[in-house]
Amino acid sequence: MARKSDELKVFIANRPVTCAECGEDLGRKAFIFLAGEKGAICLECADLDHLVFLRAGNAALTRRAKKYSKLWAVVLKWSRARKRYERQGLLVEEEAFDRAFEECEADEEIRAARRLRERERRSLRAQEHTQRFARRIRELFPGAPEGVEWTIAEIACEVGSGHVGRTAAGRALDDDAVRAAVVAHIRHAETPYDELLMTGWDRFEARDEVRARVQDVLERWQRG
């Protein structure tokens, strides 16, 4: 493999160019090879026209195509803004490109399968946490209506919700965290708290208004 200093270089012209060897008008933005004193020549005259362009951006695809291609060239373009030549990609043999692309597609399938498995694992862990949270609610509040512990736990432990069940205390099944989830449910489901908010009450004033009602329900649920 060529050392970096010996890389073949192909340039994207930033002005109309004529091939110094065959005389063909290449136009602007043509791929050209600088042949010493002769100057710019087309890829056909440089015996590089059988290569295909692989645009920069996919490191794995570039690395593999470069590895499998017996002949390759770096494609450069002058950046007026940065005042330097910048890599645009590679010219590689078509067979090498196809082989690299197939391998990367296979890799993506593997990565997709891994992502799916990880999502399934996270989902399973979330379900298990929700179950434990619900059981703890039932232990602390044996008098709660049948099934309400699942309603509370599913909301409190919803992934990405930021609710109390997803906090460190919630994951540890801390009694205060579990109680906070139950209080939130009672406030919304067993009192006129939401109606007060809809009529313009400040949420803290509304909480004070329904606090006694929430406490009554809590005590009834705790008694069993």
Protein backbone atom coordinates (compact mmCIF):
# COMPACT_ATOMS: atom_id res chain seq x y z
CA MET A 1 0.00 0.00 0.00
CA ALA A 2 1.23 3.47 -0.82
CA ARG A 3 2.64 5.62 1.92
CA LYS A 4 0.67 8.78 2.63
CA SER A 5 3.35 10.91 0.97
CA ASP A 6 3.11 8.74 -2.17
CA GLU A 7 -0.69 8.79 -2.52
CA LEU A 8 -2.02 9.29 -6.00
CA LYS A 9 -3.91 12.56 -6.11
CA VAL A 10 -6.78 13.55 -8.35
CA PHE A 11 -8.10 17.09 -8.27
CA ILE A 12 -11.53 18.56 -8.96
CA ALA A 13 -10.93 21.52 -11.26
CA ASN A 14 -12.35 24.85 -10.18
CA ARG A 15 -12.18 26.31 -13.70
CA PRO A 16 -12.58 25.01 -17.28
CA VAL A 17 -9.78 22.60 -18.17
CA THR A 18 -8.50 21.02 -21.38
CA CYS A 19 -6.63 17.71 -21.22
CA ALA A 20 -2.98 18.37 -22.04
CA GLU A 21 -2.64 14.93 -23.64
CA CYS A 22 -5.78 14.24 -25.71
CA GLY A 23 -6.93 17.83 -26.07
CA GLU A 24 -10.46 17.12 -24.87
CA ASP A 25 -12.36 20.01 -23.32
CA LEU A 26 -13.12 18.71 -19.82
CA GLY A 27 -15.14 21.69 -18.66
CA ARG A 28 -15.36 22.85 -15.08
CA LYS A 29 -15.40 20.57 -12.01
CA ALA A 30 -13.74 17.79 -13.99
CA PHE A 31 -11.57 15.19 -12.28
CA ILE A 32 -8.00 15.76 -13.44
CA PHE A 33 -4.57 14.26 -12.81
CA LEU A 34 -1.47 16.46 -12.75
CA ALA A 35 1.13 14.77 -14.95
CA GLY A 36 4.28 16.70 -14.05
CA GLU A 37 5.38 19.29 -16.59
CA LYS A 38 2.69 18.15 -19.00
CA GLY A 39 0.01 19.58 -16.70
CA ALA A 40 -3.60 18.52 -16.23
CA ILE A 41 -4.79 15.42 -18.03
CA CYS A 42 -8.10 13.57 -17.96
CA LEU A 43 -8.58 10.35 -16.04
CA GLU A 44 -8.72 8.31 -19.24
CA CYS A 45 -5.27 9.50 -20.27
CA ALA A 46 -4.04 8.88 -16.73
CA ASP A 47 -5.37 5.30 -16.85
CA LEU A 48 -7.62 6.04 -13.89
CA ASP A 49 -10.96 6.20 -15.68
CA HIS A 50 -11.94 2.68 -14.56
CA LEU A 51 -12.06 3.82 -10.93
CA VAL A 52 -15.28 4.92 -9.24
CA PHE A 53 -15.73 7.83 -6.89
CA LEU A 54 -16.40 7.10 -3.23
CA ARG A 55 -17.47 10.27 -1.48
CA ALA A 56 -16.01 10.99 1.97
CA GLY A 57 -18.23 10.60 5.00
CA ASN A 58 -18.43 6.89 5.75
CA ALA A 59 -15.19 5.95 7.48
CA ALA A 60 -15.86 2.19 7.51
CA LEU A 61 -16.77 2.11 3.82
CA THR A 62 -13.74 4.22 2.88
CA ARG A 63 -11.37 2.09 4.96
CA ARG A 64 -12.58 -1.16 3.44
CA ALA A 65 -12.71 0.08 -0.15
CA LYS A 66 -9.16 1.40 0.18
CA LYS A 67 -8.05 -1.94 1.63
CA TYR A 68 -9.53 -3.99 -1.22
CA SER A 69 -8.56 -1.70 -4.09
CA LYS A 70 -5.16 -2.41 -5.64
CA LEU A 71 -5.22 1.06 -7.19
CA TRP A 72 -6.78 4.09 -5.56
CA ALA A 73 -6.40 7.86 -5.54
CA VAL A 74 -7.31 10.63 -3.14
CA VAL A 75 -9.72 13.21 -4.58
CA LEU A 76 -8.97 16.81 -3.55
CA LYS A 77 -10.71 20.13 -4.11
CA TRP A 78 -9.48 23.65 -3.45
CA SER A 79 -11.39 25.46 -0.72
CA ARG A 80 -11.43 29.20 -1.31
CA ALA A 81 -12.70 29.83 2.20
CA ARG A 82 -9.96 27.82 3.93
CA LYS A 83 -7.25 28.44 1.30
CA ARG A 84 -6.29 24.78 1.11
CA TYR A 85 -7.04 21.52 -0.65
CA GLU A 86 -9.57 19.34 1.15
CA ARG A 87 -10.33 15.66 0.70
CA GLN A 88 -13.58 14.89 -1.08
CA GLY A 89 -13.22 11.13 -1.16
CA LEU A 90 -11.41 8.37 -3.02
CA LEU A 91 -11.30 6.85 -6.48
CA VAL A 92 -11.30 3.07 -6.05
CA GLU A 93 -11.81 -0.02 -8.15
CA GLU A 94 -15.47 -0.84 -8.63
CA GLU A 95 -15.06 -4.38 -7.35
CA ALA A 96 -13.45 -3.06 -4.17
CA PHE A 97 -16.27 -0.54 -3.76
CA ASP A 98 -18.93 -3.27 -4.13
CA ARG A 99 -17.18 -5.61 -1.70
CA ALA A 100 -16.77 -2.87 0.89
CA PHE A 101 -20.38 -1.78 0.47
CA GLU A 102 -21.68 -5.34 0.96
CA GLU A 103 -19.62 -5.75 4.14
CA CYS A 104 -20.82 -2.44 5.53
CA GLU A 105 -24.43 -3.37 4.77
CA ALA A 106 -23.91 -6.61 6.69
CA ASP A 107 -22.39 -4.62 9.55
CA GLU A 108 -25.41 -2.32 9.59
CA GLU A 109 -27.71 -5.34 9.83
CA ILE A 110 -25.67 -6.59 12.78
CA ARG A 111 -25.71 -3.15 14.43
CA ALA A 112 -29.46 -2.87 13.84
CA ALA A 113 -29.99 -6.29 15.43
CA ARG A 114 -27.88 -5.27 18.40
CA ARG A 115 -29.83 -2.02 18.78
CA LEU A 116 -33.09 -3.98 18.64
CA ARG A 117 -31.86 -6.42 21.29
CA GLU A 118 -30.74 -3.56 23.51
CA ARG A 119 -34.12 -1.85 23.14
CA GLU A 120 -35.80 -5.13 24.06
CA ARG A 121 -33.55 -5.47 27.10
CA ARG A 122 -34.32 -1.90 28.19
CA SER A 123 -38.02 -2.53 27.65
CA LEU A 124 -37.86 -5.70 29.72
CA ARG A 125 -35.96 -3.92 32.50
CA ALA A 126 -38.52 -1.11 32.41
CA GLN A 127 -41.39 -3.61 32.66
CA GLU A 128 -39.72 -5.37 35.58
CA HIS A 129 -39.20 -2.03 37.35
CA THR A 130 -42.83 -1.07 36.76
CA GLN A 131 -43.93 -4.41 38.24
CA ARG A 132 -41.75 -3.93 41.33
CA PHE A 133 -43.01 -0.35 41.71
CA ALA A 134 -46.63 -1.52 41.48
CA ARG A 135 -46.04 -4.25 44.05
CA ARG A 136 -44.49 -1.72 46.42
CA ILE A 137 -47.49 0.56 46.03
CA ARG A 138 -49.76 -2.35 46.97
CA GLU A 139 -47.59 -3.12 50.01
CA LEU A 140 -47.68 0.48 51.25
CA PHE A 141 -51.31 1.13 50.31
CA PRO A 142 -53.20 -2.17 50.71
CA GLY A 143 -56.56 -0.38 50.73
CA ALA A 144 -56.13 1.19 47.29
CA PRO A 145 -58.68 0.15 44.66
CA GLU A 146 -57.78 -3.04 42.81
CA GLY A 147 -55.52 -2.37 39.82
CA VAL A 148 -54.82 1.28 40.63
CA GLU A 149 -51.23 0.39 41.53
CA TRP A 150 -50.60 -0.54 37.88
CA THR A 151 -52.07 2.70 36.60
CA ILE A 152 -49.84 4.69 38.97
CA ALA A 153 -46.72 2.60 38.29
CA GLU A 154 -47.04 2.76 34.50
CA ILE A 155 -47.19 6.56 34.58
CA ALA A 156 -44.50 6.98 37.26
CA CYS A 157 -42.08 4.59 35.55
CA GLU A 158 -42.61 5.56 31.93
CA VAL A 159 -39.24 5.64 30.17
CA GLY A 160 -38.13 9.15 29.27
CA SER A 161 -40.94 10.79 31.22
CA GLY A 162 -38.82 12.21 34.02
CA HIS A 163 -41.49 11.09 36.50
CA VAL A 164 -40.61 10.03 40.01
CA GLY A 165 -40.38 6.35 39.13
CA ARG A 166 -37.45 7.07 36.81
CA THR A 167 -35.43 8.91 39.45
CA ALA A 168 -32.73 7.22 41.50
CA ALA A 169 -35.05 7.14 44.49
CA GLY A 170 -37.84 5.72 42.37
CA ARG A 171 -35.61 2.99 40.93
CA ALA A 172 -34.60 2.13 44.50
CA LEU A 173 -38.29 1.90 45.48
CA ASP A 174 -37.76 4.51 48.16
CA ASP A 175 -40.95 4.86 50.22
CA ASP A 176 -41.08 8.64 49.78
CA ALA A 177 -40.75 8.28 46.00
CA VAL A 178 -43.51 5.68 45.87
CA ARG A 179 -45.71 7.83 48.07
CA ALA A 180 -45.09 10.85 45.83
CA ALA A 181 -46.34 8.88 42.82
CA VAL A 182 -49.46 7.85 44.71
CA VAL A 183 -50.09 11.41 45.89
CA ALA A 184 -49.79 12.70 42.32
CA HIS A 185 -52.34 10.15 41.13
CA ILE A 186 -54.80 10.94 43.94
CA ARG A 187 -54.45 14.66 43.31
CA HIS A 188 -55.40 14.28 39.64
CA ALA A 189 -57.88 11.42 39.88
CA GLU A 190 -59.60 11.86 43.26
CA THR A 191 -59.82 15.65 43.71
CA PRO A 192 -60.94 18.68 41.63
CA TYR A 193 -57.27 19.71 41.24
CA ASP A 194 -57.30 19.61 37.42
CA GLU A 195 -60.54 21.60 37.26
CA LEU A 196 -58.97 24.27 39.48
CA LEU A 197 -55.99 24.54 37.15
CA MET A 198 -58.32 24.87 34.16
CA THR A 199 -60.08 27.80 35.82
CA GLY A 200 -56.79 29.63 36.31
CA TRP A 201 -55.70 28.65 39.79
CA ASP A 202 -51.98 28.72 40.57
CA ARG A 203 -50.80 25.11 40.96
CA PHE A 204 -49.45 25.66 44.47
CA GLU A 205 -52.70 27.29 45.60
CA ALA A 206 -54.63 24.46 43.97
CA ARG A 207 -52.52 21.90 45.80
CA ASP A 208 -53.21 23.62 49.10
CA GLU A 209 -56.92 23.60 48.30
CA VAL A 210 -57.05 19.83 47.75
CA ARG A 211 -54.41 18.84 50.33
CA ALA A 212 -56.92 17.66 52.96
CA ARG A 213 -58.80 15.59 50.38
CA VAL A 214 -55.55 13.97 49.23
CA GLN A 215 -54.62 13.14 52.84
CA ASP A 216 -58.02 11.56 53.49
CA VAL A 217 -57.65 9.27 50.49
CA LEU A 218 -54.07 8.40 51.44
CA GLU A 219 -55.10 7.37 54.96
CA ARG A 220 -57.99 5.28 53.66
CA TRP A 221 -55.69 3.48 51.16
CA GLN A 222 -53.08 2.87 53.86
CA ARG A 223 -55.53 1.24 56.26
CA GLY A 224 -56.37 -1.63 53.98
